[in-house]
Amino acid sequence: MINSIECKKRDDKMRRKLYGNNIEATCEFCVYGRRSSDGKAVLCPKKGVMPLYHHCRKFIYDPLKRVPKRPPDISGYKEDDFKIEID
């Protein structure tokens, strides 16, 4: 028989979201929301025109709407900066 602690651990693993578990609920990342043409609002079929960083009870997270962070600029480094010297 499986105890409740093992079930909770398994459920926590299954519920992990793409890009981490600490994602703020915003209309910008909702399944229903579509960005307006000016990019300052979200058009929602459930609630109408909403601000980007607002959310309602109908919020469902869509991981494909997230824009990943840009990688750091490494153009200022030389190849010598990445060499390891072994004595």
PDB file of N, CA and C in Angstrom:
ATOM      1  N   MET A   1       0.845  -1.188   0.000  1.00  0.00           N
ATOM      2  CA  MET A   1       0.000   0.000   0.000  1.00  0.00           C
ATOM      3  C   MET A   1       0.887   1.247   0.000  1.00  0.00           C
ATOM      4  N   ILE A   2       0.520   2.227  -0.771  1.00  0.00           N
ATOM      5  CA  ILE A   2       1.278   3.468  -0.879  1.00  0.00           C
ATOM      6  C   ILE A   2       0.769   4.455   0.161  1.00  0.00           C
ATOM      7  N   ASN A   3       1.705   5.035   0.927  1.00  0.00           N
ATOM      8  CA  ASN A   3       1.258   5.997   1.933  1.00  0.00           C
ATOM      9  C   ASN A   3       1.061   7.382   1.307  1.00  0.00           C
ATOM     10  N   SER A   4       0.468   8.269   2.052  1.00  0.00           N
ATOM     11  CA  SER A   4       0.102   9.585   1.522  1.00  0.00           C
ATOM     12  C   SER A   4       1.312  10.452   1.192  1.00  0.00           C
ATOM     13  N   ILE A   5       2.430  10.258   1.902  1.00  0.00           N
ATOM     14  CA  ILE A   5       3.633  11.058   1.626  1.00  0.00           C
ATOM     15  C   ILE A   5       4.199  10.691   0.261  1.00  0.00           C
ATOM     16  N   GLU A   6       4.230   9.417  -0.067  1.00  0.00           N
ATOM     17  CA  GLU A   6       4.718   8.988  -1.374  1.00  0.00           C
ATOM     18  C   GLU A   6       3.815   9.495  -2.484  1.00  0.00           C
ATOM     19  N   CYS A   7       2.518   9.486  -2.268  1.00  0.00           N
ATOM     20  CA  CYS A   7       1.570  10.000  -3.260  1.00  0.00           C
ATOM     21  C   CYS A   7       1.783  11.489  -3.489  1.00  0.00           C
ATOM     22  N   LYS A   8       2.003  12.233  -2.410  1.00  0.00           N
ATOM     23  CA  LYS A   8       2.210  13.677  -2.530  1.00  0.00           C
ATOM     24  C   LYS A   8       3.473  13.969  -3.314  1.00  0.00           C
ATOM     25  N   LYS A   9       4.566  13.247  -3.044  1.00  0.00           N
ATOM     26  CA  LYS A   9       5.814  13.447  -3.782  1.00  0.00           C
ATOM     27  C   LYS A   9       5.613  13.162  -5.259  1.00  0.00           C
ATOM     28  N   ARG A  10       4.910  12.080  -5.571  1.00  0.00           N
ATOM     29  CA  ARG A  10       4.657  11.729  -6.968  1.00  0.00           C
ATOM     30  C   ARG A  10       3.812  12.792  -7.649  1.00  0.00           C
ATOM     31  N   ASP A  11       2.786  13.277  -6.958  1.00  0.00           N
ATOM     32  CA  ASP A  11       1.923  14.308  -7.525  1.00  0.00           C
ATOM     33  C   ASP A  11       2.680  15.602  -7.755  1.00  0.00           C
ATOM     34  N   ASP A  12       3.600  15.962  -6.839  1.00  0.00           N
ATOM     35  CA  ASP A  12       4.396  17.175  -7.007  1.00  0.00           C
ATOM     36  C   ASP A  12       5.269  17.082  -8.249  1.00  0.00           C
ATOM     37  N   LYS A  13       5.847  15.920  -8.499  1.00  0.00           N
ATOM     38  CA  LYS A  13       6.673  15.739  -9.690  1.00  0.00           C
ATOM     39  C   LYS A  13       5.835  15.848 -10.956  1.00  0.00           C
ATOM     40  N   MET A  14       4.643  15.325 -10.919  1.00  0.00           N
ATOM     41  CA  MET A  14       3.777  15.342 -12.097  1.00  0.00           C
ATOM     42  C   MET A  14       3.257  16.744 -12.409  1.00  0.00           C
ATOM     43  N   ARG A  15       3.165  17.586 -11.402  1.00  0.00           N
ATOM     44  CA  ARG A  15       2.584  18.908 -11.575  1.00  0.00           C
ATOM     45  C   ARG A  15       3.600  19.990 -11.905  1.00  0.00           C
ATOM     46  N   ARG A  16       4.871  19.649 -12.003  1.00  0.00           N
ATOM     47  CA  ARG A  16       5.878  20.659 -12.323  1.00  0.00           C
ATOM     48  C   ARG A  16       5.593  21.245 -13.693  1.00  0.00           C
ATOM     49  N   LYS A  17       5.646  22.553 -13.764  1.00  0.00           N
ATOM     50  CA  LYS A  17       5.328  23.230 -15.007  1.00  0.00           C
ATOM     51  C   LYS A  17       6.590  23.506 -15.811  1.00  0.00           C
ATOM     52  N   LEU A  18       6.405  23.666 -17.086  1.00  0.00           N
ATOM     53  CA  LEU A  18       7.497  24.049 -17.954  1.00  0.00           C
ATOM     54  C   LEU A  18       8.003  25.424 -17.544  1.00  0.00           C
ATOM     55  N   TYR A  19       9.281  25.645 -17.493  1.00  0.00           N
ATOM     56  CA  TYR A  19       9.935  26.887 -17.050  1.00  0.00           C
ATOM     57  C   TYR A  19       9.821  27.099 -15.556  1.00  0.00           C
ATOM     58  N   GLY A  20       9.530  26.079 -14.754  1.00  0.00           N
ATOM     59  CA  GLY A  20       9.503  26.207 -13.305  1.00  0.00           C
ATOM     60  C   GLY A  20       8.105  26.326 -12.738  1.00  0.00           C
ATOM     61  N   ASN A  21       8.019  26.248 -11.426  1.00  0.00           N
ATOM     62  CA  ASN A  21       6.727  26.308 -10.747  1.00  0.00           C
ATOM     63  C   ASN A  21       6.370  27.711 -10.280  1.00  0.00           C
ATOM     64  N   ASN A  22       7.280  28.652 -10.347  1.00  0.00           N
ATOM     65  CA  ASN A  22       7.034  30.000  -9.834  1.00  0.00           C
ATOM     66  C   ASN A  22       6.645  30.961 -10.948  1.00  0.00           C
ATOM     67  N   ILE A  23       5.635  30.618 -11.695  1.00  0.00           N
ATOM     68  CA  ILE A  23       5.187  31.447 -12.809  1.00  0.00           C
ATOM     69  C   ILE A  23       3.995  32.268 -12.352  1.00  0.00           C
ATOM     70  N   GLU A  24       4.104  33.582 -12.545  1.00  0.00           N
ATOM     71  CA  GLU A  24       2.995  34.459 -12.165  1.00  0.00           C
ATOM     72  C   GLU A  24       1.834  34.273 -13.129  1.00  0.00           C
ATOM     73  N   ALA A  25       0.636  34.250 -12.593  1.00  0.00           N
ATOM     74  CA  ALA A  25      -0.555  34.161 -13.424  1.00  0.00           C
ATOM     75  C   ALA A  25      -0.825  35.535 -14.024  1.00  0.00           C
ATOM     76  N   THR A  26      -0.654  35.678 -15.323  1.00  0.00           N
ATOM     77  CA  THR A  26      -0.946  36.926 -16.017  1.00  0.00           C
ATOM     78  C   THR A  26      -1.681  36.607 -17.310  1.00  0.00           C
ATOM     79  N   CYS A  27      -2.502  37.524 -17.756  1.00  0.00           N
ATOM     80  CA  CYS A  27      -3.244  37.328 -19.002  1.00  0.00           C
ATOM     81  C   CYS A  27      -2.306  37.136 -20.188  1.00  0.00           C
ATOM     82  N   GLU A  28      -1.103  37.646 -20.070  1.00  0.00           N
ATOM     83  CA  GLU A  28      -0.111  37.536 -21.128  1.00  0.00           C
ATOM     84  C   GLU A  28       0.223  36.073 -21.439  1.00  0.00           C
ATOM     85  N   PHE A  29       0.177  35.176 -20.436  1.00  0.00           N
ATOM     86  CA  PHE A  29       0.526  33.773 -20.615  1.00  0.00           C
ATOM     87  C   PHE A  29      -0.692  32.857 -20.579  1.00  0.00           C
ATOM     88  N   CYS A  30      -1.883  33.384 -20.730  1.00  0.00           N
ATOM     89  CA  CYS A  30      -3.110  32.594 -20.647  1.00  0.00           C
ATOM     90  C   CYS A  30      -3.457  31.984 -22.007  1.00  0.00           C
ATOM     91  N   VAL A  31      -4.079  30.818 -21.974  1.00  0.00           N
ATOM     92  CA  VAL A  31      -4.513  30.129 -23.182  1.00  0.00           C
ATOM     93  C   VAL A  31      -5.523  30.967 -23.956  1.00  0.00           C
ATOM     94  N   TYR A  32      -6.401  31.642 -23.252  1.00  0.00           N
ATOM     95  CA  TYR A  32      -7.476  32.394 -23.895  1.00  0.00           C
ATOM     96  C   TYR A  32      -7.035  33.759 -24.424  1.00  0.00           C
ATOM     97  N   GLY A  33      -6.021  34.352 -23.821  1.00  0.00           N
ATOM     98  CA  GLY A  33      -5.637  35.718 -24.155  1.00  0.00           C
ATOM     99  C   GLY A  33      -4.878  35.841 -25.458  1.00  0.00           C
ATOM    100  N   ARG A  34      -5.145  36.922 -26.184  1.00  0.00           N
ATOM    101  CA  ARG A  34      -4.418  37.271 -27.405  1.00  0.00           C
ATOM    102  C   ARG A  34      -3.967  38.708 -27.273  1.00  0.00           C
ATOM    103  N   ARG A  35      -2.717  38.978 -27.578  1.00  0.00           N
ATOM    104  CA  ARG A  35      -2.215  40.352 -27.481  1.00  0.00           C
ATOM    105  C   ARG A  35      -2.900  41.246 -28.495  1.00  0.00           C
ATOM    106  N   SER A  36      -3.167  42.476 -28.080  1.00  0.00           N
ATOM    107  CA  SER A  36      -3.765  43.451 -28.991  1.00  0.00           C
ATOM    108  C   SER A  36      -2.705  43.919 -29.979  1.00  0.00           C
ATOM    109  N   SER A  37      -3.121  44.632 -31.023  1.00  0.00           N
ATOM    110  CA  SER A  37      -2.189  45.062 -32.059  1.00  0.00           C
ATOM    111  C   SER A  37      -1.154  46.053 -31.536  1.00  0.00           C
ATOM    112  N   ASP A  38      -1.512  46.858 -30.529  1.00  0.00           N
ATOM    113  CA  ASP A  38      -0.537  47.800 -29.977  1.00  0.00           C
ATOM    114  C   ASP A  38       0.363  47.147 -28.931  1.00  0.00           C
ATOM    115  N   GLY A  39       0.048  45.934 -28.476  1.00  0.00           N
ATOM    116  CA  GLY A  39       0.876  45.205 -27.527  1.00  0.00           C
ATOM    117  C   GLY A  39       0.738  45.654 -26.093  1.00  0.00           C
ATOM    118  N   LYS A  40      -0.203  46.528 -25.784  1.00  0.00           N
ATOM    119  CA  LYS A  40      -0.355  47.048 -24.422  1.00  0.00           C
ATOM    120  C   LYS A  40      -1.493  46.396 -23.650  1.00  0.00           C
ATOM    121  N   ALA A  41      -2.250  45.537 -24.299  1.00  0.00           N
ATOM    122  CA  ALA A  41      -3.392  44.903 -23.650  1.00  0.00           C
ATOM    123  C   ALA A  41      -3.564  43.486 -24.209  1.00  0.00           C
ATOM    124  N   VAL A  42      -4.420  42.732 -23.552  1.00  0.00           N
ATOM    125  CA  VAL A  42      -4.737  41.370 -23.975  1.00  0.00           C
ATOM    126  C   VAL A  42      -6.228  41.301 -24.279  1.00  0.00           C
ATOM    127  N   LEU A  43      -6.553  40.686 -25.404  1.00  0.00           N
ATOM    128  CA  LEU A  43      -7.955  40.512 -25.781  1.00  0.00           C
ATOM    129  C   LEU A  43      -8.402  39.129 -25.329  1.00  0.00           C
ATOM    130  N   CYS A  44      -9.359  39.097 -24.432  1.00  0.00           N
ATOM    131  CA  CYS A  44      -9.817  37.846 -23.829  1.00  0.00           C
ATOM    132  C   CYS A  44     -11.278  37.598 -24.186  1.00  0.00           C
ATOM    133  N   PRO A  45     -11.605  36.411 -24.701  1.00  0.00           N
ATOM    134  CA  PRO A  45     -13.010  36.119 -25.009  1.00  0.00           C
ATOM    135  C   PRO A  45     -13.868  35.959 -23.750  1.00  0.00           C
ATOM    136  N   LYS A  46     -13.245  35.710 -22.610  1.00  0.00           N
ATOM    137  CA  LYS A  46     -13.978  35.521 -21.356  1.00  0.00           C
ATOM    138  C   LYS A  46     -14.264  36.845 -20.654  1.00  0.00           C
ATOM    139  N   LYS A  47     -13.274  37.768 -20.629  1.00  0.00           N
ATOM    140  CA  LYS A  47     -13.402  39.008 -19.860  1.00  0.00           C
ATOM    141  C   LYS A  47     -13.298  40.281 -20.681  1.00  0.00           C
ATOM    142  N   GLY A  48     -12.955  40.191 -21.949  1.00  0.00           N
ATOM    143  CA  GLY A  48     -12.832  41.389 -22.782  1.00  0.00           C
ATOM    144  C   GLY A  48     -11.395  41.888 -22.819  1.00  0.00           C
ATOM    145  N   VAL A  49     -11.219  43.204 -22.894  1.00  0.00           N
ATOM    146  CA  VAL A  49      -9.889  43.803 -22.940  1.00  0.00           C
ATOM    147  C   VAL A  49      -9.332  43.867 -21.522  1.00  0.00           C
ATOM    148  N   MET A  50      -8.139  43.295 -21.340  1.00  0.00           N
ATOM    149  CA  MET A  50      -7.516  43.213 -20.017  1.00  0.00           C
ATOM    150  C   MET A  50      -6.091  43.745 -20.079  1.00  0.00           C
ATOM    151  N   PRO A  51      -5.574  44.274 -18.962  1.00  0.00           N
ATOM    152  CA  PRO A  51      -4.161  44.661 -18.919  1.00  0.00           C
ATOM    153  C   PRO A  51      -3.262  43.420 -19.003  1.00  0.00           C
ATOM    154  N   LEU A  52      -2.021  43.604 -19.448  1.00  0.00           N
ATOM    155  CA  LEU A  52      -1.096  42.481 -19.619  1.00  0.00           C
ATOM    156  C   LEU A  52      -0.879  41.685 -18.341  1.00  0.00           C
ATOM    157  N   TYR A  53      -0.728  42.364 -17.209  1.00  0.00           N
ATOM    158  CA  TYR A  53      -0.319  41.697 -15.983  1.00  0.00           C
ATOM    159  C   TYR A  53      -1.480  41.439 -15.023  1.00  0.00           C
ATOM    160  N   HIS A  54      -2.674  41.344 -15.537  1.00  0.00           N
ATOM    161  CA  HIS A  54      -3.852  41.025 -14.741  1.00  0.00           C
ATOM    162  C   HIS A  54      -4.203  39.562 -15.015  1.00  0.00           C
ATOM    163  N   HIS A  55      -4.987  38.958 -14.153  1.00  0.00           N
ATOM    164  CA  HIS A  55      -5.482  37.611 -14.418  1.00  0.00           C
ATOM    165  C   HIS A  55      -6.843  37.423 -13.753  1.00  0.00           C
ATOM    166  N   CYS A  56      -7.575  36.429 -14.229  1.00  0.00           N
ATOM    167  CA  CYS A  56      -8.898  36.139 -13.664  1.00  0.00           C
ATOM    168  C   CYS A  56      -8.969  34.662 -13.281  1.00  0.00           C
ATOM    169  N   ARG A  57     -10.121  34.222 -12.859  1.00  0.00           N
ATOM    170  CA  ARG A  57     -10.306  32.829 -12.436  1.00  0.00           C
ATOM    171  C   ARG A  57     -10.223  31.848 -13.606  1.00  0.00           C
ATOM    172  N   LYS A  58     -10.391  32.305 -14.814  1.00  0.00           N
ATOM    173  CA  LYS A  58     -10.352  31.445 -15.993  1.00  0.00           C
ATOM    174  C   LYS A  58      -8.931  31.189 -16.497  1.00  0.00           C
ATOM    175  N   PHE A  59      -7.920  31.706 -15.801  1.00  0.00           N
ATOM    176  CA  PHE A  59      -6.531  31.596 -16.241  1.00  0.00           C
ATOM    177  C   PHE A  59      -6.103  30.139 -16.370  1.00  0.00           C
ATOM    178  N   ILE A  60      -5.539  29.803 -17.535  1.00  0.00           N
ATOM    179  CA  ILE A  60      -4.903  28.516 -17.785  1.00  0.00           C
ATOM    180  C   ILE A  60      -3.562  28.819 -18.439  1.00  0.00           C
ATOM    181  N   TYR A  61      -2.484  28.357 -17.832  1.00  0.00           N
ATOM    182  CA  TYR A  61      -1.133  28.659 -18.294  1.00  0.00           C
ATOM    183  C   TYR A  61      -0.832  27.986 -19.629  1.00  0.00           C
ATOM    184  N   ASP A  62      -0.270  28.753 -20.568  1.00  0.00           N
ATOM    185  CA  ASP A  62       0.171  28.248 -21.861  1.00  0.00           C
ATOM    186  C   ASP A  62       1.681  28.470 -21.975  1.00  0.00           C
ATOM    187  N   PRO A  63       2.508  27.431 -21.819  1.00  0.00           N
ATOM    188  CA  PRO A  63       3.959  27.611 -21.825  1.00  0.00           C
ATOM    189  C   PRO A  63       4.513  28.096 -23.159  1.00  0.00           C
ATOM    190  N   LEU A  64       3.785  27.903 -24.249  1.00  0.00           N
ATOM    191  CA  LEU A  64       4.284  28.319 -25.552  1.00  0.00           C
ATOM    192  C   LEU A  64       4.220  29.832 -25.763  1.00  0.00           C
ATOM    193  N   LYS A  65       3.538  30.546 -24.892  1.00  0.00           N
ATOM    194  CA  LYS A  65       3.461  31.999 -25.006  1.00  0.00           C
ATOM    195  C   LYS A  65       4.601  32.709 -24.304  1.00  0.00           C
ATOM    196  N   ARG A  66       5.400  31.990 -23.549  1.00  0.00           N
ATOM    197  CA  ARG A  66       6.545  32.598 -22.866  1.00  0.00           C
ATOM    198  C   ARG A  66       7.663  32.862 -23.847  1.00  0.00           C
ATOM    199  N   VAL A  67       8.304  34.000 -23.695  1.00  0.00           N
ATOM    200  CA  VAL A  67       9.461  34.341 -24.514  1.00  0.00           C
ATOM    201  C   VAL A  67      10.703  34.101 -23.656  1.00  0.00           C
ATOM    202  N   PRO A  68      11.600  33.212 -24.086  1.00  0.00           N
ATOM    203  CA  PRO A  68      12.774  32.926 -23.263  1.00  0.00           C
ATOM    204  C   PRO A  68      13.698  34.135 -23.165  1.00  0.00           C
ATOM    205  N   LYS A  69      14.454  34.186 -22.069  1.00  0.00           N
ATOM    206  CA  LYS A  69      15.407  35.269 -21.880  1.00  0.00           C
ATOM    207  C   LYS A  69      16.526  35.142 -22.904  1.00  0.00           C
ATOM    208  N   ARG A  70      17.071  36.283 -23.314  1.00  0.00           N
ATOM    209  CA  ARG A  70      18.188  36.271 -24.265  1.00  0.00           C
ATOM    210  C   ARG A  70      19.446  35.764 -23.570  1.00  0.00           C
ATOM    211  N   PRO A  71      20.282  35.036 -24.300  1.00  0.00           N
ATOM    212  CA  PRO A  71      21.541  34.598 -23.703  1.00  0.00           C
ATOM    213  C   PRO A  71      22.468  35.794 -23.502  1.00  0.00           C
ATOM    214  N   PRO A  72      23.383  35.709 -22.550  1.00  0.00           N
ATOM    215  CA  PRO A  72      24.289  36.833 -22.308  1.00  0.00           C
ATOM    216  C   PRO A  72      25.204  37.077 -23.507  1.00  0.00           C
ATOM    217  N   ASP A  73      25.593  38.323 -23.703  1.00  0.00           N
ATOM    218  CA  ASP A  73      26.464  38.703 -24.804  1.00  0.00           C
ATOM    219  C   ASP A  73      27.902  38.330 -24.451  1.00  0.00           C
ATOM    220  N   ILE A  74      28.501  37.461 -25.247  1.00  0.00           N
ATOM    221  CA  ILE A  74      29.882  37.044 -24.976  1.00  0.00           C
ATOM    222  C   ILE A  74      30.836  37.543 -26.059  1.00  0.00           C
ATOM    223  N   SER A  75      30.423  38.499 -26.857  1.00  0.00           N
ATOM    224  CA  SER A  75      31.280  38.992 -27.934  1.00  0.00           C
ATOM    225  C   SER A  75      32.491  39.765 -27.405  1.00  0.00           C
ATOM    226  N   GLY A  76      32.455  40.222 -26.163  1.00  0.00           N
ATOM    227  CA  GLY A  76      33.562  40.974 -25.595  1.00  0.00           C
ATOM    228  C   GLY A  76      34.700  40.107 -25.082  1.00  0.00           C
ATOM    229  N   TYR A  77      34.536  38.786 -25.132  1.00  0.00           N
ATOM    230  CA  TYR A  77      35.564  37.872 -24.635  1.00  0.00           C
ATOM    231  C   TYR A  77      36.407  37.351 -25.795  1.00  0.00           C
ATOM    232  N   LYS A  78      37.635  36.942 -25.484  1.00  0.00           N
ATOM    233  CA  LYS A  78      38.533  36.329 -26.469  1.00  0.00           C
ATOM    234  C   LYS A  78      38.623  34.837 -26.185  1.00  0.00           C
ATOM    235  N   GLU A  79      39.163  34.105 -27.117  1.00  0.00           N
ATOM    236  CA  GLU A  79      39.311  32.664 -26.952  1.00  0.00           C
ATOM    237  C   GLU A  79      40.243  32.334 -25.785  1.00  0.00           C
ATOM    238  N   ASP A  80      41.231  33.187 -25.541  1.00  0.00           N
ATOM    239  CA  ASP A  80      42.161  32.969 -24.437  1.00  0.00           C
ATOM    240  C   ASP A  80      41.480  33.025 -23.070  1.00  0.00           C
ATOM    241  N   ASP A  81      40.372  33.745 -22.981  1.00  0.00           N
ATOM    242  CA  ASP A  81      39.651  33.862 -21.714  1.00  0.00           C
ATOM    243  C   ASP A  81      39.034  32.527 -21.279  1.00  0.00           C
ATOM    244  N   PHE A  82      38.859  31.601 -22.225  1.00  0.00           N
ATOM    245  CA  PHE A  82      38.201  30.335 -21.930  1.00  0.00           C
ATOM    246  C   PHE A  82      39.175  29.155 -21.839  1.00  0.00           C
ATOM    247  N   LYS A  83      40.454  29.421 -21.951  1.00  0.00           N
ATOM    248  CA  LYS A  83      41.457  28.362 -21.862  1.00  0.00           C
ATOM    249  C   LYS A  83      41.804  28.072 -20.407  1.00  0.00           C
ATOM    250  N   ILE A  84      42.057  26.805 -20.132  1.00  0.00           N
ATOM    251  CA  ILE A  84      42.457  26.380 -18.789  1.00  0.00           C
ATOM    252  C   ILE A  84      43.923  25.981 -18.849  1.00  0.00           C
ATOM    253  N   GLU A  85      44.712  26.580 -17.980  1.00  0.00           N
ATOM    254  CA  GLU A  85      46.140  26.259 -17.948  1.00  0.00           C
ATOM    255  C   GLU A  85      46.391  25.207 -16.869  1.00  0.00           C
ATOM    256  N   ILE A  86      47.052  24.123 -17.273  1.00  0.00           N
ATOM    257  CA  ILE A  86      47.368  23.040 -16.354  1.00  0.00           C
ATOM    258  C   ILE A  86      48.870  23.037 -16.156  1.00  0.00           C
ATOM    259  N   ASP A  87      49.303  23.088 -14.899  1.00  0.00           N
ATOM    260  CA  ASP A  87      50.747  23.095 -14.607  1.00  0.00           C
ATOM    261  C   ASP A  87      51.309  21.715 -14.499  1.00  0.00           C
TER     262      ASP A  87
END
